[in-house]
PDB file of all heavy atoms in Angstrom:
ATOM      1  N   GLY A   1      12.575  15.713   5.712  1.00  0.00           N
ATOM      2  CA  GLY A   1      13.024  14.332   5.582  1.00  0.00           C
ATOM      3  C   GLY A   1      11.940  13.392   5.089  1.00  0.00           C
ATOM      4  O   GLY A   1      12.144  12.175   5.023  1.00  0.00           O
ATOM      5  N   VAL A   2      10.783  13.926   4.706  1.00  0.00           N
ATOM      6  CA  VAL A   2       9.649  13.103   4.295  1.00  0.00           C
ATOM      7  C   VAL A   2       9.746  12.752   2.808  1.00  0.00           C
ATOM      8  O   VAL A   2      10.055  13.600   1.970  1.00  0.00           O
ATOM      9  CB  VAL A   2       8.313  13.833   4.570  1.00  0.00           C
ATOM     10  CG1 VAL A   2       7.139  13.113   3.899  1.00  0.00           C
ATOM     11  CG2 VAL A   2       8.076  13.940   6.074  1.00  0.00           C
ATOM     12  N   SER A   3       9.461  11.487   2.498  1.00  0.00           N
ATOM     13  CA  SER A   3       9.302  11.037   1.111  1.00  0.00           C
ATOM     14  C   SER A   3       7.921  10.412   0.979  1.00  0.00           C
ATOM     15  O   SER A   3       7.505   9.630   1.846  1.00  0.00           O
ATOM     16  CB  SER A   3      10.372  10.007   0.741  1.00  0.00           C
ATOM     17  OG  SER A   3      11.658  10.598   0.732  1.00  0.00           O
ATOM     18  N   LEU A   4       7.237  10.758  -0.079  1.00  0.00           N
ATOM     19  CA  LEU A   4       5.865  10.296  -0.283  1.00  0.00           C
ATOM     20  C   LEU A   4       5.635   9.968  -1.743  1.00  0.00           C
ATOM     21  O   LEU A   4       6.266  10.553  -2.627  1.00  0.00           O
ATOM     22  CB  LEU A   4       4.862  11.382   0.114  1.00  0.00           C
ATOM     23  CG  LEU A   4       4.389  11.512   1.559  1.00  0.00           C
ATOM     24  CD1 LEU A   4       3.412  12.671   1.650  1.00  0.00           C
ATOM     25  CD2 LEU A   4       3.731  10.229   2.026  1.00  0.00           C
ATOM     26  N   ALA A   5       4.688   9.062  -1.992  1.00  0.00           N
ATOM     27  CA  ALA A   5       4.201   8.802  -3.344  1.00  0.00           C
ATOM     28  C   ALA A   5       2.677   8.883  -3.314  1.00  0.00           C
ATOM     29  O   ALA A   5       2.067   8.847  -2.241  1.00  0.00           O
ATOM     30  CB  ALA A   5       4.662   7.434  -3.833  1.00  0.00           C
ATOM     31  N   ASP A   6       2.075   9.008  -4.508  1.00  0.00           N
ATOM     32  CA  ASP A   6       0.626   9.151  -4.695  1.00  0.00           C
ATOM     33  C   ASP A   6       0.246  10.636  -4.624  1.00  0.00           C
ATOM     34  O   ASP A   6       0.455  11.304  -3.611  1.00  0.00           O
ATOM     35  CB  ASP A   6      -0.179   8.359  -3.677  1.00  0.00           C
ATOM     36  CG  ASP A   6      -1.671   8.358  -4.012  1.00  0.00           C
ATOM     37  OD1 ASP A   6      -2.307   9.412  -3.909  1.00  0.00           O
ATOM     38  OD2 ASP A   6      -2.171   7.298  -4.401  1.00  0.00           O
ATOM     39  N   SER A   7      -0.320  11.123  -5.727  1.00  0.00           N
ATOM     40  CA  SER A   7      -0.539  12.564  -5.876  1.00  0.00           C
ATOM     41  C   SER A   7      -1.461  13.161  -4.818  1.00  0.00           C
ATOM     42  O   SER A   7      -1.222  14.274  -4.336  1.00  0.00           O
ATOM     43  CB  SER A   7      -1.080  12.872  -7.276  1.00  0.00           C
ATOM     44  OG  SER A   7      -2.282  12.169  -7.521  1.00  0.00           O
ATOM     45  N   VAL A   8      -2.517  12.458  -4.443  1.00  0.00           N
ATOM     46  CA  VAL A   8      -3.432  13.046  -3.460  1.00  0.00           C
ATOM     47  C   VAL A   8      -2.813  13.032  -2.065  1.00  0.00           C
ATOM     48  O   VAL A   8      -3.015  13.977  -1.275  1.00  0.00           O
ATOM     49  CB  VAL A   8      -4.815  12.350  -3.478  1.00  0.00           C
ATOM     50  CG1 VAL A   8      -4.750  10.938  -2.928  1.00  0.00           C
ATOM     51  CG2 VAL A   8      -5.842  13.189  -2.716  1.00  0.00           C
ATOM     52  N   LEU A   9      -2.036  12.005  -1.728  1.00  0.00           N
ATOM     53  CA  LEU A   9      -1.342  12.000  -0.441  1.00  0.00           C
ATOM     54  C   LEU A   9      -0.295  13.113  -0.386  1.00  0.00           C
ATOM     55  O   LEU A   9      -0.095  13.747   0.662  1.00  0.00           O
ATOM     56  CB  LEU A   9      -0.683  10.646  -0.198  1.00  0.00           C
ATOM     57  CG  LEU A   9      -1.618   9.441  -0.063  1.00  0.00           C
ATOM     58  CD1 LEU A   9      -0.817   8.174   0.195  1.00  0.00           C
ATOM     59  CD2 LEU A   9      -2.641   9.668   1.057  1.00  0.00           C
ATOM     60  N   ILE A  10       0.350  13.347  -1.513  1.00  0.00           N
ATOM     61  CA  ILE A  10       1.302  14.452  -1.590  1.00  0.00           C
ATOM     62  C   ILE A  10       0.584  15.776  -1.392  1.00  0.00           C
ATOM     63  O   ILE A  10       1.071  16.673  -0.680  1.00  0.00           O
ATOM     64  CB  ILE A  10       2.061  14.412  -2.930  1.00  0.00           C
ATOM     65  CG1 ILE A  10       2.971  13.181  -2.986  1.00  0.00           C
ATOM     66  CG2 ILE A  10       2.873  15.695  -3.129  1.00  0.00           C
ATOM     67  CD1 ILE A  10       3.588  12.926  -4.350  1.00  0.00           C
ATOM     68  N   ALA A  11      -0.595  15.924  -2.013  1.00  0.00           N
ATOM     69  CA  ALA A  11      -1.367  17.165  -1.858  1.00  0.00           C
ATOM     70  C   ALA A  11      -1.716  17.407  -0.396  1.00  0.00           C
ATOM     71  O   ALA A  11      -1.597  18.534   0.115  1.00  0.00           O
ATOM     72  CB  ALA A  11      -2.629  17.100  -2.711  1.00  0.00           C
ATOM     73  N   GLU A  12      -2.142  16.357   0.298  1.00  0.00           N
ATOM     74  CA  GLU A  12      -2.477  16.498   1.717  1.00  0.00           C
ATOM     75  C   GLU A  12      -1.242  16.882   2.532  1.00  0.00           C
ATOM     76  O   GLU A  12      -1.318  17.727   3.437  1.00  0.00           O
ATOM     77  CB  GLU A  12      -3.083  15.190   2.234  1.00  0.00           C
ATOM     78  CG  GLU A  12      -4.465  14.899   1.647  1.00  0.00           C
ATOM     79  CD  GLU A  12      -5.000  13.535   2.036  1.00  0.00           C
ATOM     80  OE1 GLU A  12      -4.192  12.658   2.426  1.00  0.00           O
ATOM     81  OE2 GLU A  12      -6.227  13.343   1.952  1.00  0.00           O
ATOM     82  N   TYR A  13      -0.115  16.280   2.202  1.00  0.00           N
ATOM     83  CA  TYR A  13       1.130  16.611   2.898  1.00  0.00           C
ATOM     84  C   TYR A  13       1.515  18.081   2.665  1.00  0.00           C
ATOM     85  O   TYR A  13       1.905  18.790   3.604  1.00  0.00           O
ATOM     86  CB  TYR A  13       2.254  15.689   2.421  1.00  0.00           C
ATOM     87  CG  TYR A  13       3.627  16.153   2.842  1.00  0.00           C
ATOM     88  CD1 TYR A  13       4.100  15.903   4.131  1.00  0.00           C
ATOM     89  CD2 TYR A  13       4.448  16.860   1.953  1.00  0.00           C
ATOM     90  CE1 TYR A  13       5.354  16.349   4.527  1.00  0.00           C
ATOM     91  CE2 TYR A  13       5.699  17.301   2.344  1.00  0.00           C
ATOM     92  CZ  TYR A  13       6.141  17.053   3.632  1.00  0.00           C
ATOM     93  OH  TYR A  13       7.378  17.509   4.030  1.00  0.00           O
ATOM     94  N   LEU A  14       1.432  18.531   1.432  1.00  0.00           N
ATOM     95  CA  LEU A  14       1.815  19.910   1.121  1.00  0.00           C
ATOM     96  C   LEU A  14       0.923  20.909   1.852  1.00  0.00           C
ATOM     97  O   LEU A  14       1.402  21.943   2.347  1.00  0.00           O
ATOM     98  CB  LEU A  14       1.754  20.145  -0.392  1.00  0.00           C
ATOM     99  CG  LEU A  14       2.745  19.346  -1.245  1.00  0.00           C
ATOM    100  CD1 LEU A  14       2.491  19.598  -2.725  1.00  0.00           C
ATOM    101  CD2 LEU A  14       4.188  19.683  -0.889  1.00  0.00           C
ATOM    102  N   ASP A  15      -0.374  20.626   1.928  1.00  0.00           N
ATOM    103  CA  ASP A  15      -1.274  21.514   2.669  1.00  0.00           C
ATOM    104  C   ASP A  15      -0.901  21.569   4.150  1.00  0.00           C
ATOM    105  O   ASP A  15      -0.908  22.642   4.767  1.00  0.00           O
ATOM    106  CB  ASP A  15      -2.725  21.039   2.521  1.00  0.00           C
ATOM    107  CG  ASP A  15      -3.403  21.562   1.267  1.00  0.00           C
ATOM    108  OD1 ASP A  15      -2.800  22.405   0.567  1.00  0.00           O
ATOM    109  OD2 ASP A  15      -4.538  21.121   0.985  1.00  0.00           O
ATOM    110  N   ALA A  16      -0.593  20.414   4.731  1.00  0.00           N
ATOM    111  CA  ALA A  16      -0.290  20.366   6.161  1.00  0.00           C
ATOM    112  C   ALA A  16       1.071  20.976   6.479  1.00  0.00           C
ATOM    113  O   ALA A  16       1.240  21.630   7.520  1.00  0.00           O
ATOM    114  CB  ALA A  16      -0.334  18.914   6.646  1.00  0.00           C
ATOM    115  N   THR A  17       2.041  20.778   5.607  1.00  0.00           N
ATOM    116  CA  THR A  17       3.417  21.199   5.882  1.00  0.00           C
ATOM    117  C   THR A  17       3.665  22.650   5.499  1.00  0.00           C
ATOM    118  O   THR A  17       4.522  23.324   6.097  1.00  0.00           O
ATOM    119  CB  THR A  17       4.399  20.281   5.126  1.00  0.00           C
ATOM    120  OG1 THR A  17       4.077  18.919   5.421  1.00  0.00           O
ATOM    121  CG2 THR A  17       5.840  20.543   5.535  1.00  0.00           C
ATOM    122  N   TYR A  18       2.929  23.146   4.521  1.00  0.00           N
ATOM    123  CA  TYR A  18       3.090  24.526   4.055  1.00  0.00           C
ATOM    124  C   TYR A  18       1.741  25.245   4.162  1.00  0.00           C
ATOM    125  O   TYR A  18       1.110  25.569   3.151  1.00  0.00           O
ATOM    126  CB  TYR A  18       3.632  24.522   2.617  1.00  0.00           C
ATOM    127  CG  TYR A  18       4.975  23.838   2.518  1.00  0.00           C
ATOM    128  CD1 TYR A  18       5.068  22.479   2.209  1.00  0.00           C
ATOM    129  CD2 TYR A  18       6.146  24.529   2.778  1.00  0.00           C
ATOM    130  CE1 TYR A  18       6.304  21.842   2.152  1.00  0.00           C
ATOM    131  CE2 TYR A  18       7.387  23.901   2.721  1.00  0.00           C
ATOM    132  CZ  TYR A  18       7.453  22.556   2.413  1.00  0.00           C
ATOM    133  OH  TYR A  18       8.681  21.929   2.367  1.00  0.00           O
ATOM    134  N   PRO A  19       1.278  25.499   5.394  1.00  0.00           N
ATOM    135  CA  PRO A  19      -0.072  26.021   5.614  1.00  0.00           C
ATOM    136  C   PRO A  19      -0.289  27.446   5.121  1.00  0.00           C
ATOM    137  O   PRO A  19      -1.442  27.877   4.970  1.00  0.00           O
ATOM    138  CB  PRO A  19      -0.228  25.950   7.138  1.00  0.00           C
ATOM    139  CG  PRO A  19       1.171  25.999   7.667  1.00  0.00           C
ATOM    140  CD  PRO A  19       2.006  25.264   6.661  1.00  0.00           C
ATOM    141  N   ASP A  20       0.796  28.189   4.859  1.00  0.00           N
ATOM    142  CA  ASP A  20       0.639  29.568   4.415  1.00  0.00           C
ATOM    143  C   ASP A  20       0.558  29.689   2.901  1.00  0.00           C
ATOM    144  O   ASP A  20       0.620  30.797   2.359  1.00  0.00           O
ATOM    145  CB  ASP A  20       1.807  30.418   4.938  1.00  0.00           C
ATOM    146  CG  ASP A  20       1.814  30.505   6.463  1.00  0.00           C
ATOM    147  OD1 ASP A  20       0.716  30.429   7.053  1.00  0.00           O
ATOM    148  OD2 ASP A  20       2.907  30.629   7.049  1.00  0.00           O
ATOM    149  N   THR A  21       0.437  28.567   2.212  1.00  0.00           N
ATOM    150  CA  THR A  21       0.275  28.568   0.755  1.00  0.00           C
ATOM    151  C   THR A  21      -1.166  28.204   0.418  1.00  0.00           C
ATOM    152  O   THR A  21      -1.896  27.668   1.258  1.00  0.00           O
ATOM    153  CB  THR A  21       1.233  27.555   0.103  1.00  0.00           C
ATOM    154  OG1 THR A  21       0.932  26.231   0.601  1.00  0.00           O
ATOM    155  CG2 THR A  21       2.685  27.890   0.429  1.00  0.00           C
ATOM    156  N   PRO A  22      -1.631  28.506  -0.816  1.00  0.00           N
ATOM    157  CA  PRO A  22      -3.022  28.194  -1.184  1.00  0.00           C
ATOM    158  C   PRO A  22      -3.347  26.720  -0.967  1.00  0.00           C
ATOM    159  O   PRO A  22      -2.525  25.842  -1.246  1.00  0.00           O
ATOM    160  CB  PRO A  22      -3.078  28.559  -2.672  1.00  0.00           C
ATOM    161  CG  PRO A  22      -1.999  29.571  -2.848  1.00  0.00           C
ATOM    162  CD  PRO A  22      -0.903  29.182  -1.907  1.00  0.00           C
ATOM    163  N   LYS A  23      -4.548  26.458  -0.489  1.00  0.00           N
ATOM    164  CA  LYS A  23      -4.951  25.091  -0.154  1.00  0.00           C
ATOM    165  C   LYS A  23      -5.334  24.303  -1.404  1.00  0.00           C
ATOM    166  O   LYS A  23      -6.063  24.791  -2.271  1.00  0.00           O
ATOM    167  CB  LYS A  23      -6.142  25.106   0.810  1.00  0.00           C
ATOM    168  CG  LYS A  23      -5.839  25.665   2.191  1.00  0.00           C
ATOM    169  CD  LYS A  23      -4.893  24.747   2.947  1.00  0.00           C
ATOM    170  CE  LYS A  23      -4.690  25.220   4.382  1.00  0.00           C
ATOM    171  NZ  LYS A  23      -3.675  24.415   5.093  1.00  0.00           N
ATOM    172  N   LEU A  24      -4.868  23.056  -1.444  1.00  0.00           N
ATOM    173  CA  LEU A  24      -5.270  22.132  -2.501  1.00  0.00           C
ATOM    174  C   LEU A  24      -6.568  21.421  -2.141  1.00  0.00           C
ATOM    175  O   LEU A  24      -7.391  21.138  -3.009  1.00  0.00           O
ATOM    176  CB  LEU A  24      -4.157  21.104  -2.744  1.00  0.00           C
ATOM    177  CG  LEU A  24      -2.832  21.692  -3.235  1.00  0.00           C
ATOM    178  CD1 LEU A  24      -1.716  20.673  -3.093  1.00  0.00           C
ATOM    179  CD2 LEU A  24      -2.960  22.151  -4.684  1.00  0.00           C
ATOM    180  N   LEU A  25      -6.716  21.112  -0.858  1.00  0.00           N
ATOM    181  CA  LEU A  25      -7.942  20.504  -0.343  1.00  0.00           C
ATOM    182  C   LEU A  25      -8.466  21.414   0.777  1.00  0.00           C
ATOM    183  O   LEU A  25      -8.200  21.181   1.953  1.00  0.00           O
ATOM    184  CB  LEU A  25      -7.693  19.091   0.186  1.00  0.00           C
ATOM    185  CG  LEU A  25      -7.292  18.044  -0.862  1.00  0.00           C
ATOM    186  CD1 LEU A  25      -5.771  17.928  -0.982  1.00  0.00           C
ATOM    187  CD2 LEU A  25      -7.882  16.686  -0.539  1.00  0.00           C
ATOM    188  N   PRO A  26      -9.191  22.475   0.399  1.00  0.00           N
ATOM    189  CA  PRO A  26      -9.645  23.440   1.402  1.00  0.00           C
ATOM    190  C   PRO A  26     -10.517  22.777   2.460  1.00  0.00           C
ATOM    191  O   PRO A  26     -11.137  21.732   2.211  1.00  0.00           O
ATOM    192  CB  PRO A  26     -10.463  24.446   0.575  1.00  0.00           C
ATOM    193  CG  PRO A  26      -9.995  24.274  -0.827  1.00  0.00           C
ATOM    194  CD  PRO A  26      -9.622  22.833  -0.958  1.00  0.00           C
ATOM    195  N   PRO A  27     -10.555  23.363   3.653  1.00  0.00           N
ATOM    196  CA  PRO A  27     -11.401  22.812   4.719  1.00  0.00           C
ATOM    197  C   PRO A  27     -12.833  22.604   4.245  1.00  0.00           C
ATOM    198  O   PRO A  27     -13.410  23.455   3.558  1.00  0.00           O
ATOM    199  CB  PRO A  27     -11.330  23.899   5.805  1.00  0.00           C
ATOM    200  CG  PRO A  27     -10.019  24.573   5.567  1.00  0.00           C
ATOM    201  CD  PRO A  27      -9.814  24.556   4.080  1.00  0.00           C
ATOM    202  N   GLY A  28     -13.372  21.447   4.582  1.00  0.00           N
ATOM    203  CA  GLY A  28     -14.734  21.118   4.191  1.00  0.00           C
ATOM    204  C   GLY A  28     -14.863  20.449   2.837  1.00  0.00           C
ATOM    205  O   GLY A  28     -15.950  19.994   2.466  1.00  0.00           O
ATOM    206  N   SER A  29     -13.745  20.371   2.086  1.00  0.00           N
ATOM    207  CA  SER A  29     -13.828  19.799   0.735  1.00  0.00           C
ATOM    208  C   SER A  29     -13.176  18.432   0.629  1.00  0.00           C
ATOM    209  O   SER A  29     -13.249  17.790  -0.420  1.00  0.00           O
ATOM    210  CB  SER A  29     -13.148  20.730  -0.278  1.00  0.00           C
ATOM    211  OG  SER A  29     -11.727  20.661  -0.183  1.00  0.00           O
ATOM    212  N   ARG A  30     -12.523  17.974   1.678  1.00  0.00           N
ATOM    213  CA  ARG A  30     -11.725  16.753   1.584  1.00  0.00           C
ATOM    214  C   ARG A  30     -12.571  15.546   1.176  1.00  0.00           C
ATOM    215  O   ARG A  30     -12.213  14.781   0.275  1.00  0.00           O
ATOM    216  CB  ARG A  30     -11.025  16.479   2.912  1.00  0.00           C
ATOM    217  CG  ARG A  30     -10.014  15.351   2.855  1.00  0.00           C
ATOM    218  CD  ARG A  30      -9.380  15.169   4.225  1.00  0.00           C
ATOM    219  NE  ARG A  30      -8.705  16.377   4.642  1.00  0.00           N
ATOM    220  CZ  ARG A  30      -7.382  16.552   4.537  1.00  0.00           C
ATOM    221  NH1 ARG A  30      -6.633  15.593   4.045  1.00  0.00           N
ATOM    222  NH2 ARG A  30      -6.817  17.664   4.927  1.00  0.00           N
ATOM    223  N   THR A  31     -13.728  15.373   1.811  1.00  0.00           N
ATOM    224  CA  THR A  31     -14.575  14.216   1.500  1.00  0.00           C
ATOM    225  C   THR A  31     -15.056  14.261   0.060  1.00  0.00           C
ATOM    226  O   THR A  31     -14.976  13.261  -0.675  1.00  0.00           O
ATOM    227  CB  THR A  31     -15.779  14.155   2.460  1.00  0.00           C
ATOM    228  OG1 THR A  31     -15.305  14.020   3.793  1.00  0.00           O
ATOM    229  CG2 THR A  31     -16.676  12.970   2.124  1.00  0.00           C
ATOM    230  N   ILE A  32     -15.546  15.418  -0.365  1.00  0.00           N
ATOM    231  CA  ILE A  32     -16.093  15.516  -1.721  1.00  0.00           C
ATOM    232  C   ILE A  32     -14.976  15.382  -2.760  1.00  0.00           C
ATOM    233  O   ILE A  32     -15.182  14.807  -3.835  1.00  0.00           O
ATOM    234  CB  ILE A  32     -16.872  16.836  -1.915  1.00  0.00           C
ATOM    235  CG1 ILE A  32     -17.689  16.785  -3.206  1.00  0.00           C
ATOM    236  CG2 ILE A  32     -15.958  18.035  -1.914  1.00  0.00           C
ATOM    237  CD1 ILE A  32     -18.774  15.740  -3.228  1.00  0.00           C
ATOM    238  N   GLN A  33     -13.782  15.868  -2.446  1.00  0.00           N
ATOM    239  CA  GLN A  33     -12.680  15.718  -3.400  1.00  0.00           C
ATOM    240  C   GLN A  33     -12.298  14.250  -3.556  1.00  0.00           C
ATOM    241  O   GLN A  33     -12.088  13.774  -4.675  1.00  0.00           O
ATOM    242  CB  GLN A  33     -11.469  16.547  -2.952  1.00  0.00           C
ATOM    243  CG  GLN A  33     -11.665  18.052  -3.102  1.00  0.00           C
ATOM    244  CD  GLN A  33     -10.366  18.770  -3.413  1.00  0.00           C
ATOM    245  OE1 GLN A  33      -9.619  18.378  -4.311  1.00  0.00           O
ATOM    246  NE2 GLN A  33     -10.098  19.850  -2.689  1.00  0.00           N
ATOM    247  N   HIS A  34     -12.210  13.519  -2.455  1.00  0.00           N
ATOM    248  CA  HIS A  34     -11.868  12.103  -2.561  1.00  0.00           C
ATOM    249  C   HIS A  34     -12.953  11.333  -3.315  1.00  0.00           C
ATOM    250  O   HIS A  34     -12.649  10.430  -4.105  1.00  0.00           O
ATOM    251  CB  HIS A  34     -11.645  11.512  -1.168  1.00  0.00           C
ATOM    252  CG  HIS A  34     -10.272  11.768  -0.623  1.00  0.00           C
ATOM    253  ND1 HIS A  34      -9.193  10.975  -0.945  1.00  0.00           N
ATOM    254  CD2 HIS A  34      -9.794  12.728   0.212  1.00  0.00           C
ATOM    255  CE1 HIS A  34      -8.110  11.434  -0.338  1.00  0.00           C
ATOM    256  NE2 HIS A  34      -8.442  12.493   0.374  1.00  0.00           N
ATOM    257  N   ALA A  35     -14.218  11.676  -3.080  1.00  0.00           N
ATOM    258  CA  ALA A  35     -15.311  11.010  -3.784  1.00  0.00           C
ATOM    259  C   ALA A  35     -15.254  11.316  -5.277  1.00  0.00           C
ATOM    260  O   ALA A  35     -15.433  10.422  -6.125  1.00  0.00           O
ATOM    261  CB  ALA A  35     -16.649  11.449  -3.195  1.00  0.00           C
ATOM    262  N   PHE A  36     -15.002  12.570  -5.629  1.00  0.00           N
ATOM    263  CA  PHE A  36     -14.896  12.966  -7.032  1.00  0.00           C
ATOM    264  C   PHE A  36     -13.747  12.217  -7.703  1.00  0.00           C
ATOM    265  O   PHE A  36     -13.900  11.699  -8.820  1.00  0.00           O
ATOM    266  CB  PHE A  36     -14.658  14.479  -7.122  1.00  0.00           C
ATOM    267  CG  PHE A  36     -14.596  15.024  -8.526  1.00  0.00           C
ATOM    268  CD1 PHE A  36     -15.660  15.725  -9.053  1.00  0.00           C
ATOM    269  CD2 PHE A  36     -13.467  14.840  -9.322  1.00  0.00           C
ATOM    270  CE1 PHE A  36     -15.596  16.243 -10.347  1.00  0.00           C
ATOM    271  CE2 PHE A  36     -13.396  15.346 -10.606  1.00  0.00           C
ATOM    272  CZ  PHE A  36     -14.468  16.050 -11.123  1.00  0.00           C
ATOM    273  N   LEU A  37     -12.607  12.146  -7.030  1.00  0.00           N
ATOM    274  CA  LEU A  37     -11.444  11.476  -7.615  1.00  0.00           C
ATOM    275  C   LEU A  37     -11.718  10.002  -7.868  1.00  0.00           C
ATOM    276  O   LEU A  37     -11.325   9.448  -8.904  1.00  0.00           O
ATOM    277  CB  LEU A  37     -10.234  11.636  -6.696  1.00  0.00           C
ATOM    278  CG  LEU A  37      -9.674  13.059  -6.564  1.00  0.00           C
ATOM    279  CD1 LEU A  37      -8.665  13.123  -5.437  1.00  0.00           C
ATOM    280  CD2 LEU A  37      -9.065  13.537  -7.869  1.00  0.00           C
ATOM    281  N   ALA A  38     -12.406   9.358  -6.932  1.00  0.00           N
ATOM    282  CA  ALA A  38     -12.733   7.942  -7.104  1.00  0.00           C
ATOM    283  C   ALA A  38     -13.662   7.743  -8.299  1.00  0.00           C
ATOM    284  O   ALA A  38     -13.486   6.797  -9.090  1.00  0.00           O
ATOM    285  CB  ALA A  38     -13.376   7.402  -5.835  1.00  0.00           C
ATOM    286  N   ALA A  39     -14.639   8.627  -8.446  1.00  0.00           N
ATOM    287  CA  ALA A  39     -15.571   8.516  -9.571  1.00  0.00           C
ATOM    288  C   ALA A  39     -14.892   8.878 -10.888  1.00  0.00           C
ATOM    289  O   ALA A  39     -15.131   8.240 -11.923  1.00  0.00           O
ATOM    290  CB  ALA A  39     -16.777   9.431  -9.334  1.00  0.00           C
ATOM    291  N   TYR A  40     -14.028   9.870 -10.844  1.00  0.00           N
ATOM    292  CA  TYR A  40     -13.362  10.349 -12.056  1.00  0.00           C
ATOM    293  C   TYR A  40     -12.509   9.255 -12.692  1.00  0.00           C
ATOM    294  O   TYR A  40     -12.438   9.137 -13.917  1.00  0.00           O
ATOM    295  CB  TYR A  40     -12.512  11.567 -11.696  1.00  0.00           C
ATOM    296  CG  TYR A  40     -11.717  12.168 -12.828  1.00  0.00           C
ATOM    297  CD1 TYR A  40     -12.332  12.521 -14.033  1.00  0.00           C
ATOM    298  CD2 TYR A  40     -10.350  12.420 -12.700  1.00  0.00           C
ATOM    299  CE1 TYR A  40     -11.621  13.084 -15.064  1.00  0.00           C
ATOM    300  CE2 TYR A  40      -9.624  12.985 -13.725  1.00  0.00           C
ATOM    301  CZ  TYR A  40     -10.261  13.320 -14.903  1.00  0.00           C
ATOM    302  OH  TYR A  40      -9.545  13.884 -15.930  1.00  0.00           O
ATOM    303  N   ARG A  41     -11.882   8.429 -11.857  1.00  0.00           N
ATOM    304  CA  ARG A  41     -11.041   7.350 -12.388  1.00  0.00           C
ATOM    305  C   ARG A  41     -11.847   6.352 -13.221  1.00  0.00           C
ATOM    306  O   ARG A  41     -11.291   5.628 -14.042  1.00  0.00           O
ATOM    307  CB  ARG A  41     -10.354   6.613 -11.233  1.00  0.00           C
ATOM    308  CG  ARG A  41      -9.313   7.438 -10.498  1.00  0.00           C
ATOM    309  CD  ARG A  41      -8.555   6.604  -9.485  1.00  0.00           C
ATOM    310  NE  ARG A  41      -7.677   7.420  -8.653  1.00  0.00           N
ATOM    311  CZ  ARG A  41      -7.958   7.808  -7.410  1.00  0.00           C
ATOM    312  NH1 ARG A  41      -9.103   7.431  -6.857  1.00  0.00           N
ATOM    313  NH2 ARG A  41      -7.124   8.551  -6.721  1.00  0.00           N
ATOM    314  N   LEU A  42     -13.136   6.292 -12.986  1.00  0.00           N
ATOM    315  CA  LEU A  42     -13.984   5.333 -13.690  1.00  0.00           C
ATOM    316  C   LEU A  42     -14.753   5.966 -14.848  1.00  0.00           C
ATOM    317  O   LEU A  42     -15.483   5.272 -15.552  1.00  0.00           O
ATOM    318  CB  LEU A  42     -14.992   4.714 -12.702  1.00  0.00           C
ATOM    319  CG  LEU A  42     -14.388   4.021 -11.472  1.00  0.00           C
ATOM    320  CD1 LEU A  42     -15.505   3.570 -10.536  1.00  0.00           C
ATOM    321  CD2 LEU A  42     -13.520   2.849 -11.892  1.00  0.00           C
ATOM    322  N   MET A  43     -14.591   7.267 -15.033  1.00  0.00           N
ATOM    323  CA  MET A  43     -15.432   7.984 -15.987  1.00  0.00           C
ATOM    324  C   MET A  43     -14.971   7.903 -17.426  1.00  0.00           C
ATOM    325  O   MET A  43     -15.724   8.228 -18.338  1.00  0.00           O
ATOM    326  CB  MET A  43     -15.530   9.469 -15.602  1.00  0.00           C
ATOM    327  CG  MET A  43     -16.358   9.737 -14.369  1.00  0.00           C
ATOM    328  SD  MET A  43     -16.500  11.502 -14.031  1.00  0.00           S
ATOM    329  CE  MET A  43     -17.586  12.016 -15.359  1.00  0.00           C
TER     330      MET A  43
END
């Protein structure tokens, strides 16, 4: 019943809701991925 917008929030939802599928934000990478995404938008 969940509806979401924003690609990275969707990625986090998919990882949490479907844990037996390959991880989009593997453990330990969440901070660096968010930092990379923020920098990438300005690159």
